Amino acid sequence: MNDEERQLWRVGNLACVMISCCSGAELQIRRVRAHERGGFEIVLREMYPMKSDLYDRARDLRVEYEKA
């Protein structure tokens, strides 16, 4: 089974990533560590049965992080 990973947005050093497969989708907010190539820390992880719900949550989180 192949998982698909896609960055939805980035605000500063935070990136919102969707990881999807046939059983649903996972939303991750990652703090990217510039000093480590490919390094990141997962700040938030949520599971969704439908991608549409994940996209709605990702939009809400982007607004929240842009205000902060």
PDB file of N, CA and C in Angstrom:
ATOM      1  N   MET A   1       0.847  -1.175   0.000  1.00  0.00           N
ATOM      2  CA  MET A   1       0.000   0.000   0.000  1.00  0.00           C
ATOM      3  C   MET A   1       0.895   1.241   0.000  1.00  0.00           C
ATOM      4  N   ASN A   2       0.688   2.162  -0.937  1.00  0.00           N
ATOM      5  CA  ASN A   2       1.494   3.373  -1.023  1.00  0.00           C
ATOM      6  C   ASN A   2       0.774   4.540  -0.372  1.00  0.00           C
ATOM      7  N   ASP A   3       1.442   5.199   0.577  1.00  0.00           N
ATOM      8  CA  ASP A   3       0.913   6.409   1.181  1.00  0.00           C
ATOM      9  C   ASP A   3       1.372   7.597   0.351  1.00  0.00           C
ATOM     10  N   GLU A   4       0.525   8.593   0.260  1.00  0.00           N
ATOM     11  CA  GLU A   4       0.847   9.823  -0.457  1.00  0.00           C
ATOM     12  C   GLU A   4       1.025  10.927   0.578  1.00  0.00           C
ATOM     13  N   GLU A   5       2.112  11.683   0.476  1.00  0.00           N
ATOM     14  CA  GLU A   5       2.381  12.784   1.394  1.00  0.00           C
ATOM     15  C   GLU A   5       2.420  14.077   0.598  1.00  0.00           C
ATOM     16  N   ARG A   6       1.690  15.092   1.087  1.00  0.00           N
ATOM     17  CA  ARG A   6       1.629  16.359   0.365  1.00  0.00           C
ATOM     18  C   ARG A   6       1.576  17.519   1.340  1.00  0.00           C
ATOM     19  N   GLN A   7       2.439  18.504   1.123  1.00  0.00           N
ATOM     20  CA  GLN A   7       2.421  19.711   1.950  1.00  0.00           C
ATOM     21  C   GLN A   7       1.290  20.608   1.461  1.00  0.00           C
ATOM     22  N   LEU A   8       0.417  21.017   2.390  1.00  0.00           N
ATOM     23  CA  LEU A   8      -0.724  21.855   2.038  1.00  0.00           C
ATOM     24  C   LEU A   8      -0.402  23.338   2.178  1.00  0.00           C
ATOM     25  N   TRP A   9       0.359  23.697   3.207  1.00  0.00           N
ATOM     26  CA  TRP A   9       0.771  25.082   3.403  1.00  0.00           C
ATOM     27  C   TRP A   9       1.977  25.131   4.328  1.00  0.00           C
ATOM     28  N   ARG A  10       2.580  26.336   4.360  1.00  0.00           N
ATOM     29  CA  ARG A  10       3.712  26.566   5.257  1.00  0.00           C
ATOM     30  C   ARG A  10       3.629  27.997   5.764  1.00  0.00           C
ATOM     31  N   VAL A  11       3.771  28.154   7.084  1.00  0.00           N
ATOM     32  CA  VAL A  11       3.789  29.463   7.731  1.00  0.00           C
ATOM     33  C   VAL A  11       5.037  29.478   8.621  1.00  0.00           C
ATOM     34  N   GLY A  12       6.009  30.295   8.239  1.00  0.00           N
ATOM     35  CA  GLY A  12       7.264  30.325   8.990  1.00  0.00           C
ATOM     36  C   GLY A  12       7.921  28.960   8.952  1.00  0.00           C
ATOM     37  N   ASN A  13       8.219  28.433  10.147  1.00  0.00           N
ATOM     38  CA  ASN A  13       8.853  27.114  10.211  1.00  0.00           C
ATOM     39  C   ASN A  13       7.841  25.987  10.457  1.00  0.00           C
ATOM     40  N   LEU A  14       6.544  26.286  10.297  1.00  0.00           N
ATOM     41  CA  LEU A  14       5.498  25.271  10.452  1.00  0.00           C
ATOM     42  C   LEU A  14       4.954  24.865   9.088  1.00  0.00           C
ATOM     43  N   ALA A  15       4.817  23.582   8.883  1.00  0.00           N
ATOM     44  CA  ALA A  15       4.273  23.057   7.632  1.00  0.00           C
ATOM     45  C   ALA A  15       3.095  22.143   7.956  1.00  0.00           C
ATOM     46  N   CYS A  16       2.046  22.264   7.158  1.00  0.00           N
ATOM     47  CA  CYS A  16       0.878  21.391   7.279  1.00  0.00           C
ATOM     48  C   CYS A  16       0.985  20.335   6.184  1.00  0.00           C
ATOM     49  N   VAL A  17       0.970  19.079   6.586  1.00  0.00           N
ATOM     50  CA  VAL A  17       1.170  17.971   5.660  1.00  0.00           C
ATOM     51  C   VAL A  17      -0.004  17.012   5.754  1.00  0.00           C
ATOM     52  N   MET A  18      -0.445  16.536   4.584  1.00  0.00           N
ATOM     53  CA  MET A  18      -1.478  15.511   4.524  1.00  0.00           C
ATOM     54  C   MET A  18      -0.817  14.214   4.065  1.00  0.00           C
ATOM     55  N   ILE A  19      -1.078  13.152   4.807  1.00  0.00           N
ATOM     56  CA  ILE A  19      -0.618  11.823   4.427  1.00  0.00           C
ATOM     57  C   ILE A  19      -1.876  11.000   4.213  1.00  0.00           C
ATOM     58  N   SER A  20      -2.068  10.544   2.977  1.00  0.00           N
ATOM     59  CA  SER A  20      -3.312   9.840   2.678  1.00  0.00           C
ATOM     60  C   SER A  20      -3.036   8.441   2.144  1.00  0.00           C
ATOM     61  N   CYS A  21      -4.005   7.582   2.406  1.00  0.00           N
ATOM     62  CA  CYS A  21      -4.014   6.239   1.853  1.00  0.00           C
ATOM     63  C   CYS A  21      -5.469   5.825   1.719  1.00  0.00           C
ATOM     64  N   CYS A  22      -5.709   4.612   1.353  1.00  0.00           N
ATOM     65  CA  CYS A  22      -7.082   4.180   1.091  1.00  0.00           C
ATOM     66  C   CYS A  22      -7.965   4.183   2.341  1.00  0.00           C
ATOM     67  N   SER A  23      -7.376   4.135   3.522  1.00  0.00           N
ATOM     68  CA  SER A  23      -8.173   4.066   4.747  1.00  0.00           C
ATOM     69  C   SER A  23      -8.462   5.420   5.373  1.00  0.00           C
ATOM     70  N   GLY A  24      -8.042   6.525   4.760  1.00  0.00           N
ATOM     71  CA  GLY A  24      -8.298   7.850   5.306  1.00  0.00           C
ATOM     72  C   GLY A  24      -7.105   8.752   5.114  1.00  0.00           C
ATOM     73  N   ALA A  25      -7.033   9.769   5.943  1.00  0.00           N
ATOM     74  CA  ALA A  25      -5.952  10.738   5.809  1.00  0.00           C
ATOM     75  C   ALA A  25      -5.513  11.229   7.182  1.00  0.00           C
ATOM     76  N   GLU A  26      -4.237  11.537   7.269  1.00  0.00           N
ATOM     77  CA  GLU A  26      -3.652  12.057   8.501  1.00  0.00           C
ATOM     78  C   GLU A  26      -3.165  13.469   8.236  1.00  0.00           C
ATOM     79  N   LEU A  27      -3.511  14.383   9.130  1.00  0.00           N
ATOM     80  CA  LEU A  27      -3.022  15.752   9.067  1.00  0.00           C
ATOM     81  C   LEU A  27      -1.901  15.891  10.087  1.00  0.00           C
ATOM     82  N   GLN A  28      -0.796  16.468   9.669  1.00  0.00           N
ATOM     83  CA  GLN A  28       0.320  16.728  10.582  1.00  0.00           C
ATOM     84  C   GLN A  28       0.725  18.186  10.468  1.00  0.00           C
ATOM     85  N   ILE A  29       0.954  18.810  11.608  1.00  0.00           N
ATOM     86  CA  ILE A  29       1.630  20.102  11.652  1.00  0.00           C
ATOM     87  C   ILE A  29       3.043  19.785  12.100  1.00  0.00           C
ATOM     88  N   ARG A  30       4.003  20.195  11.285  1.00  0.00           N
ATOM     89  CA  ARG A  30       5.411  19.892  11.556  1.00  0.00           C
ATOM     90  C   ARG A  30       6.196  21.173  11.763  1.00  0.00           C
ATOM     91  N   ARG A  31       7.051  21.170  12.748  1.00  0.00           N
ATOM     92  CA  ARG A  31       8.006  22.257  12.936  1.00  0.00           C
ATOM     93  C   ARG A  31       9.276  21.833  12.218  1.00  0.00           C
ATOM     94  N   VAL A  32       9.603  22.556  11.159  1.00  0.00           N
ATOM     95  CA  VAL A  32      10.755  22.211  10.335  1.00  0.00           C
ATOM     96  C   VAL A  32      12.011  22.744  11.000  1.00  0.00           C
ATOM     97  N   ARG A  33      13.011  21.899  11.107  1.00  0.00           N
ATOM     98  CA  ARG A  33      14.293  22.282  11.701  1.00  0.00           C
ATOM     99  C   ARG A  33      15.271  22.568  10.574  1.00  0.00           C
ATOM    100  N   ALA A  34      15.539  23.844  10.368  1.00  0.00           N
ATOM    101  CA  ALA A  34      16.383  24.269   9.245  1.00  0.00           C
ATOM    102  C   ALA A  34      17.802  23.730   9.360  1.00  0.00           C
ATOM    103  N   HIS A  35      18.291  23.562  10.576  1.00  0.00           N
ATOM    104  CA  HIS A  35      19.675  23.110  10.748  1.00  0.00           C
ATOM    105  C   HIS A  35      19.844  21.615  10.477  1.00  0.00           C
ATOM    106  N   GLU A  36      18.751  20.883  10.361  1.00  0.00           N
ATOM    107  CA  GLU A  36      18.804  19.452  10.065  1.00  0.00           C
ATOM    108  C   GLU A  36      18.155  19.212   8.704  1.00  0.00           C
ATOM    109  N   ARG A  37      18.907  18.680   7.795  1.00  0.00           N
ATOM    110  CA  ARG A  37      18.346  18.419   6.467  1.00  0.00           C
ATOM    111  C   ARG A  37      17.218  17.393   6.585  1.00  0.00           C
ATOM    112  N   GLY A  38      16.037  17.800   6.173  1.00  0.00           N
ATOM    113  CA  GLY A  38      14.879  16.913   6.228  1.00  0.00           C
ATOM    114  C   GLY A  38      14.357  16.673   7.632  1.00  0.00           C
ATOM    115  N   GLY A  39      14.878  17.419   8.609  1.00  0.00           N
ATOM    116  CA  GLY A  39      14.465  17.209   9.988  1.00  0.00           C
ATOM    117  C   GLY A  39      13.207  17.985  10.340  1.00  0.00           C
ATOM    118  N   PHE A  40      12.351  17.380  11.127  1.00  0.00           N
ATOM    119  CA  PHE A  40      11.147  18.056  11.592  1.00  0.00           C
ATOM    120  C   PHE A  40      10.667  17.399  12.872  1.00  0.00           C
ATOM    121  N   GLU A  41       9.833  18.146  13.584  1.00  0.00           N
ATOM    122  CA  GLU A  41       9.181  17.655  14.799  1.00  0.00           C
ATOM    123  C   GLU A  41       7.685  17.742  14.561  1.00  0.00           C
ATOM    124  N   ILE A  42       6.952  16.680  14.857  1.00  0.00           N
ATOM    125  CA  ILE A  42       5.498  16.692  14.684  1.00  0.00           C
ATOM    126  C   ILE A  42       4.883  17.388  15.892  1.00  0.00           C
ATOM    127  N   VAL A  43       4.185  18.494  15.622  1.00  0.00           N
ATOM    128  CA  VAL A  43       3.553  19.305  16.661  1.00  0.00           C
ATOM    129  C   VAL A  43       2.123  18.849  16.905  1.00  0.00           C
ATOM    130  N   LEU A  44       1.439  18.450  15.833  1.00  0.00           N
ATOM    131  CA  LEU A  44       0.037  18.043  15.912  1.00  0.00           C
ATOM    132  C   LEU A  44      -0.203  16.929  14.908  1.00  0.00           C
ATOM    133  N   ARG A  45      -0.975  15.939  15.314  1.00  0.00           N
ATOM    134  CA  ARG A  45      -1.317  14.824  14.420  1.00  0.00           C
ATOM    135  C   ARG A  45      -2.781  14.487  14.635  1.00  0.00           C
ATOM    136  N   GLU A  46      -3.558  14.493  13.538  1.00  0.00           N
ATOM    137  CA  GLU A  46      -4.984  14.179  13.609  1.00  0.00           C
ATOM    138  C   GLU A  46      -5.350  13.263  12.444  1.00  0.00           C
ATOM    139  N   MET A  47      -6.256  12.341  12.680  1.00  0.00           N
ATOM    140  CA  MET A  47      -6.710  11.401  11.657  1.00  0.00           C
ATOM    141  C   MET A  47      -8.115  11.786  11.198  1.00  0.00           C
ATOM    142  N   TYR A  48      -8.360  11.614   9.891  1.00  0.00           N
ATOM    143  CA  TYR A  48      -9.666  11.931   9.306  1.00  0.00           C
ATOM    144  C   TYR A  48     -10.078  10.823   8.345  1.00  0.00           C
ATOM    145  N   PRO A  49     -11.359  10.415   8.393  1.00  0.00           N
ATOM    146  CA  PRO A  49     -11.824   9.392   7.458  1.00  0.00           C
ATOM    147  C   PRO A  49     -12.014   9.949   6.045  1.00  0.00           C
ATOM    148  N   MET A  50     -12.228  11.287   5.939  1.00  0.00           N
ATOM    149  CA  MET A  50     -12.465  11.903   4.630  1.00  0.00           C
ATOM    150  C   MET A  50     -11.514  13.082   4.428  1.00  0.00           C
ATOM    151  N   LYS A  51     -10.970  13.187   3.215  1.00  0.00           N
ATOM    152  CA  LYS A  51     -10.035  14.275   2.913  1.00  0.00           C
ATOM    153  C   LYS A  51     -10.700  15.646   3.016  1.00  0.00           C
ATOM    154  N   SER A  52     -11.971  15.733   2.691  1.00  0.00           N
ATOM    155  CA  SER A  52     -12.662  17.031   2.735  1.00  0.00           C
ATOM    156  C   SER A  52     -12.644  17.605   4.153  1.00  0.00           C
ATOM    157  N   ASP A  53     -12.828  16.759   5.172  1.00  0.00           N
ATOM    158  CA  ASP A  53     -12.760  17.211   6.561  1.00  0.00           C
ATOM    159  C   ASP A  53     -11.347  17.680   6.910  1.00  0.00           C
ATOM    160  N   LEU A  54     -10.361  16.970   6.415  1.00  0.00           N
ATOM    161  CA  LEU A  54      -8.968  17.334   6.660  1.00  0.00           C
ATOM    162  C   LEU A  54      -8.668  18.695   6.046  1.00  0.00           C
ATOM    163  N   TYR A  55      -9.112  18.936   4.823  1.00  0.00           N
ATOM    164  CA  TYR A  55      -8.861  20.225   4.163  1.00  0.00           C
ATOM    165  C   TYR A  55      -9.505  21.375   4.935  1.00  0.00           C
ATOM    166  N   ASP A  56     -10.717  21.160   5.448  1.00  0.00           N
ATOM    167  CA  ASP A  56     -11.387  22.191   6.252  1.00  0.00           C
ATOM    168  C   ASP A  56     -10.566  22.512   7.504  1.00  0.00           C
ATOM    169  N   ARG A  57     -10.105  21.488   8.187  1.00  0.00           N
ATOM    170  CA  ARG A  57      -9.302  21.673   9.404  1.00  0.00           C
ATOM    171  C   ARG A  57      -7.972  22.356   9.072  1.00  0.00           C
ATOM    172  N   ALA A  58      -7.355  21.984   7.959  1.00  0.00           N
ATOM    173  CA  ALA A  58      -6.085  22.592   7.547  1.00  0.00           C
ATOM    174  C   ALA A  58      -6.261  24.087   7.302  1.00  0.00           C
ATOM    175  N   ARG A  59      -7.363  24.477   6.675  1.00  0.00           N
ATOM    176  CA  ARG A  59      -7.632  25.904   6.441  1.00  0.00           C
ATOM    177  C   ARG A  59      -7.787  26.654   7.757  1.00  0.00           C
ATOM    178  N   ASP A  60      -8.527  26.068   8.689  1.00  0.00           N
ATOM    179  CA  ASP A  60      -8.714  26.698  10.000  1.00  0.00           C
ATOM    180  C   ASP A  60      -7.385  26.858  10.736  1.00  0.00           C
ATOM    181  N   LEU A  61      -6.555  25.825  10.688  1.00  0.00           N
ATOM    182  CA  LEU A  61      -5.262  25.889  11.360  1.00  0.00           C
ATOM    183  C   LEU A  61      -4.350  26.933  10.730  1.00  0.00           C
ATOM    184  N   ARG A  62      -4.408  27.055   9.421  1.00  0.00           N
ATOM    185  CA  ARG A  62      -3.566  28.061   8.746  1.00  0.00           C
ATOM    186  C   ARG A  62      -3.916  29.461   9.231  1.00  0.00           C
ATOM    187  N   VAL A  63      -5.202  29.757   9.298  1.00  0.00           N
ATOM    188  CA  VAL A  63      -5.646  31.068   9.789  1.00  0.00           C
ATOM    189  C   VAL A  63      -5.154  31.280  11.217  1.00  0.00           C
ATOM    190  N   GLU A  64      -5.281  30.259  12.045  1.00  0.00           N
ATOM    191  CA  GLU A  64      -4.861  30.348  13.449  1.00  0.00           C
ATOM    192  C   GLU A  64      -3.355  30.603  13.561  1.00  0.00           C
ATOM    193  N   TYR A  65      -2.551  29.900  12.797  1.00  0.00           N
ATOM    194  CA  TYR A  65      -1.098  30.060  12.860  1.00  0.00           C
ATOM    195  C   TYR A  65      -0.639  31.383  12.234  1.00  0.00           C
ATOM    196  N   GLU A  66      -1.356  31.862  11.219  1.00  0.00           N
ATOM    197  CA  GLU A  66      -0.994  33.147  10.615  1.00  0.00           C
ATOM    198  C   GLU A  66      -1.246  34.305  11.575  1.00  0.00           C
ATOM    199  N   LYS A  67      -2.262  34.171  12.423  1.00  0.00           N
ATOM    200  CA  LYS A  67      -2.572  35.215  13.411  1.00  0.00           C
ATOM    201  C   LYS A  67      -1.561  35.230  14.552  1.00  0.00           C
ATOM    202  N   ALA A  68      -1.000  34.062  14.845  1.00  0.00           N
ATOM    203  CA  ALA A  68      -0.093  33.952  16.007  1.00  0.00           C
ATOM    204  C   ALA A  68       1.263  34.590  15.744  1.00  0.00           C
TER     205      ALA A  68
END
